[in-house]
Protein backbone atom coordinates (compact mmCIF):
# COMPACT_ATOMS: atom_id res chain seq x y z
CA MET A 1 -131.54 27.89 -43.88
CA LEU A 2 -134.02 28.14 -46.78
CA ARG A 3 -136.63 29.71 -44.49
CA ARG A 4 -134.16 32.33 -43.36
CA ALA A 5 -133.25 33.19 -46.96
CA LEU A 6 -136.91 33.49 -47.97
CA ALA A 7 -137.70 35.61 -44.91
CA SER A 8 -134.77 37.87 -45.77
CA ILE A 9 -136.01 38.29 -49.35
CA ILE A 10 -139.57 39.04 -48.22
CA LEU A 11 -138.31 41.54 -45.64
CA SER A 12 -136.13 43.33 -48.20
CA ILE A 13 -139.06 43.54 -50.66
CA THR A 14 -141.28 44.95 -47.92
CA ILE A 15 -138.69 47.50 -46.79
CA ALA A 16 -137.90 48.55 -50.36
CA GLY A 17 -141.58 49.13 -51.05
CA GLY A 18 -142.13 46.54 -53.72
CA LEU A 19 -140.52 44.09 -56.04
CA PRO A 20 -136.95 44.66 -57.19
CA PRO A 21 -136.84 46.39 -60.60
CA ALA A 22 -135.75 43.21 -62.39
CA LEU A 23 -138.91 41.44 -61.17
CA ALA A 24 -141.27 44.37 -61.70
CA GLU A 25 -140.38 45.14 -65.34
CA ASP A 26 -143.43 43.34 -66.72
CA THR A 27 -146.11 45.16 -64.75
CA ILE A 28 -148.68 47.33 -66.50
CA GLU A 29 -147.63 50.29 -64.37
CA VAL A 30 -144.04 50.06 -65.61
CA VAL A 31 -145.10 49.49 -69.23
CA LEU A 32 -147.35 52.56 -69.15
CA GLN A 33 -144.70 54.73 -67.47
CA LYS A 34 -142.13 53.77 -70.10
CA SER A 35 -144.68 54.29 -72.88
CA ALA A 36 -145.57 57.78 -71.61
CA VAL A 37 -141.99 58.96 -72.12
CA GLY A 38 -140.72 56.66 -74.85
CA LYS A 39 -141.87 54.23 -77.51
CA PRO A 40 -144.68 51.91 -76.38
CA PRO A 41 -144.24 48.19 -77.04
CA ASP A 42 -146.12 46.92 -80.08
CA ASN A 43 -147.89 44.30 -77.94
CA LEU A 44 -149.47 46.96 -75.69
CA ARG A 45 -153.27 46.84 -75.98
CA ILE A 46 -155.78 49.23 -74.43
CA HIS A 47 -159.29 47.83 -74.78
CA TYR A 48 -162.51 49.66 -73.80
CA HIS A 49 -165.82 47.78 -73.69
CA ALA A 50 -169.23 49.21 -72.82
CA ASP A 51 -172.11 46.82 -73.36
CA GLY A 52 -175.23 48.61 -74.57
CA ILE A 53 -177.55 45.64 -74.18
CA PRO A 54 -180.54 45.70 -73.89
CA TRP A 55 -181.35 49.19 -75.27
CA GLY A 56 -178.18 51.15 -75.86
CA THR A 57 -175.12 51.09 -78.06
CA THR A 58 -172.28 48.66 -77.45
CA VAL A 59 -168.92 50.36 -77.90
CA GLU A 60 -165.67 48.45 -78.38
CA MET A 61 -162.45 50.40 -78.81
CA GLU A 62 -158.91 49.08 -78.93
CA ILE A 63 -155.69 51.02 -79.34
CA ARG A 64 -152.38 49.19 -79.65
CA GLY A 65 -148.86 50.29 -78.89
CA ASP A 66 -148.00 50.45 -82.58
CA GLY A 67 -150.76 53.05 -83.03
CA THR A 68 -153.32 50.84 -84.77
CA PHE A 69 -156.87 51.20 -83.59
CA LEU A 70 -160.24 49.56 -84.07
CA ARG A 71 -163.65 50.81 -82.96
CA TYR A 72 -167.14 49.30 -83.27
CA ASP A 73 -170.36 51.04 -82.25
CA GLN A 74 -173.39 48.77 -82.55
CA LYS A 75 -176.92 49.72 -81.54
CA SER A 76 -178.79 47.01 -79.71
CA GLY A 77 -180.79 44.77 -82.02
CA GLN A 78 -179.03 45.86 -85.19
CA LEU A 79 -176.83 43.61 -87.30
CA ASP A 80 -174.64 46.35 -88.70
CA ALA A 81 -172.29 48.63 -86.82
CA LEU A 82 -170.17 51.72 -87.23
CA GLU A 83 -166.59 50.60 -87.76
CA ASN A 84 -163.39 52.63 -87.76
CA ARG A 85 -159.85 51.30 -88.25
CA GLY A 86 -156.62 53.18 -88.67
CA ARG A 87 -153.33 54.20 -87.17
CA LEU A 88 -152.38 56.98 -84.78
CA GLN A 89 -148.99 58.60 -84.36
CA PRO A 90 -147.08 57.57 -81.20
CA GLU A 91 -147.18 61.12 -79.80
CA GLN A 92 -150.99 61.08 -79.98
CA LEU A 93 -151.06 58.18 -77.49
CA LYS A 94 -149.01 59.90 -74.75
CA PRO A 95 -151.99 61.68 -73.07
CA LEU A 96 -153.88 58.35 -72.93
CA PHE A 97 -150.88 56.65 -71.28
CA ARG A 98 -150.58 59.48 -68.73
CA LEU A 99 -154.33 59.25 -68.00
CA LEU A 100 -154.11 55.47 -67.43
CA ILE A 101 -151.21 56.12 -65.04
CA ASP A 102 -153.16 58.90 -63.31
CA ILE A 103 -156.20 56.69 -62.65
CA LYS A 104 -153.93 53.75 -61.71
CA VAL A 105 -155.59 51.39 -64.15
CA TRP A 106 -153.76 48.48 -62.47
CA GLN A 107 -155.76 49.10 -59.25
CA ASP A 108 -159.34 47.93 -59.74
CA VAL A 109 -161.82 49.37 -57.25
CA PRO A 110 -164.66 46.96 -56.37
CA PRO A 111 -168.07 48.19 -57.59
CA GLY A 112 -169.35 48.46 -54.02
CA ARG A 113 -172.92 47.57 -54.93
CA ASP A 114 -175.05 45.32 -57.10
CA GLY A 115 -176.13 46.51 -60.52
CA VAL A 116 -179.62 47.83 -61.17
CA PRO A 117 -181.89 46.60 -64.00
CA ASP A 118 -180.61 47.56 -67.47
CA GLU A 119 -177.26 48.71 -66.07
CA ASN A 120 -174.09 47.22 -67.46
CA MET A 121 -170.41 47.17 -66.65
CA VAL A 122 -167.84 49.21 -68.51
CA THR A 123 -164.39 47.64 -68.62
CA VAL A 124 -160.96 48.90 -69.59
CA THR A 125 -158.27 46.27 -70.00
CA VAL A 126 -154.61 47.06 -70.55
CA SER A 127 -152.25 44.26 -71.52
CA ALA A 128 -148.67 43.87 -72.71
CA GLY A 129 -147.23 40.40 -73.08
CA LYS A 130 -148.12 38.41 -69.98
CA ALA A 131 -149.02 41.48 -67.90
CA GLU A 132 -152.65 42.55 -67.76
CA ALA A 133 -154.75 44.94 -65.69
CA SER A 134 -158.49 45.45 -65.85
CA VAL A 135 -160.82 48.04 -64.32
CA SER A 136 -164.62 47.79 -64.30
CA GLU A 137 -167.36 50.17 -63.21
CA TRP A 138 -171.13 50.24 -63.33
CA GLN A 139 -172.29 52.65 -66.04
CA ASN A 140 -174.29 54.69 -63.52
CA ASP A 141 -171.16 55.19 -61.37
CA MET A 142 -168.84 56.43 -64.11
CA GLU A 143 -169.62 60.13 -63.64
CA SER A 144 -169.10 60.06 -59.85
CA ARG A 145 -165.93 57.95 -59.97
CA GLN A 146 -164.31 59.94 -62.79
CA ARG A 147 -162.02 57.12 -63.86
CA LEU A 148 -163.41 55.22 -66.83
CA ILE A 149 -165.46 58.15 -68.09
CA ARG A 150 -162.18 60.01 -68.59
CA VAL A 151 -160.72 57.03 -70.43
CA ARG A 152 -163.83 56.87 -72.62
CA ARG A 153 -163.57 60.57 -73.49
CA GLU A 154 -159.87 60.29 -74.34
CA MET A 155 -160.27 57.17 -76.45
CA LYS A 156 -163.32 58.55 -78.29
CA ALA A 157 -161.35 61.73 -79.06
CA LEU A 158 -158.55 59.62 -80.53
CA VAL A 159 -160.82 57.12 -82.30
CA PRO A 160 -164.01 58.69 -83.67
CA ALA A 161 -166.94 56.59 -84.86
CA GLY A 162 -166.54 55.30 -88.37
CA THR A 163 -168.81 54.30 -91.22
CA THR A 164 -171.46 51.60 -91.38
CA SER A 165 -170.05 48.11 -91.67
CA CYS A 166 -171.67 44.70 -91.77
CA VAL A 167 -170.05 43.24 -88.66
CA LEU A 168 -171.12 41.80 -85.36
CA ILE A 169 -169.52 42.58 -82.05
CA PRO A 170 -167.23 41.23 -80.71
CA LYS A 171 -166.21 39.55 -83.96
CA PRO A 172 -167.28 39.43 -87.59
CA PRO A 173 -169.99 36.85 -88.32
CA THR A 174 -169.41 33.40 -89.71
CA ALA A 175 -170.05 32.83 -93.41
CA GLU A 176 -173.45 31.29 -92.60
CA VAL A 177 -174.56 34.20 -90.43
CA TYR A 178 -173.25 36.67 -92.99
CA ALA A 179 -175.28 34.95 -95.75
CA LYS A 180 -178.43 35.17 -93.61
CA MET A 181 -177.76 38.84 -92.93
CA GLN A 182 -177.37 39.60 -96.64
CA ALA A 183 -180.65 37.77 -97.34
CA MET A 184 -182.55 40.14 -95.02
CA PRO A 185 -183.98 43.16 -96.88
CA GLY A 186 -182.05 46.35 -96.08
CA VAL A 187 -179.51 44.65 -93.85
CA CYS A 188 -175.87 44.79 -94.92
CA ALA A 189 -176.90 45.82 -98.44
CA GLY A 190 -173.83 46.41 -100.55
CA PHE A 191 -171.33 44.89 -98.11
CA GLU A 192 -169.15 42.20 -99.58
C-alpha cells in the first residue's frame, strides 16, 4: 500500500514536470523569479568570488536582498584592499535577478577540463534561507561561456571599487595580525 502511494506521488511529480508548488517554494529559481517582480527577501545573498592568487586581484562582492552590498578588491601580496559598502535601491537589483534567472544560476555546468597553472575558479553563490545554488567556472573559460562574466559585469556596475581599507579577505584580521600590519612601515597607515 505504501509503495503504491509513493509510486503514485513520484509519477504525478514526473508528469507535472517537477515538485508541487508547495514543495518548490524554497528553491533559488523561485526566490529569484519572485524577486525579479517583487520585493526580494532580506536573507537573499548573491556572492561573487574570484581568487586572484598568485598574481592577480582577488575580488569579493556580495549583494543582499535588502540592498546592502560589500566589495573587497585585494591585490595579491598586499595587506590592504579596496573596500566599498553601501545600500542599493530594490529596483537597481532587478536586472541582476533577471540575469541570474537567464543564466540559470541553479544549474551548475561542470568545468569540463582541469585547470591550467595560475588559473583559478570564479564562483557565484546565491542563497536564501536553506536554499543555495552555486556556479563555478575557470577564469579562462568565462569569456566563451558568457555566464559568470555577465554576472561580474552586472555586479561591478552596481558595486564599484571603493577606497583603501586595512582589511584581509575573506575577513578582517585578528587584533594580533592587525597590530603586526600597523607596525609595518607604510602598511595600513592611518587606519584605526
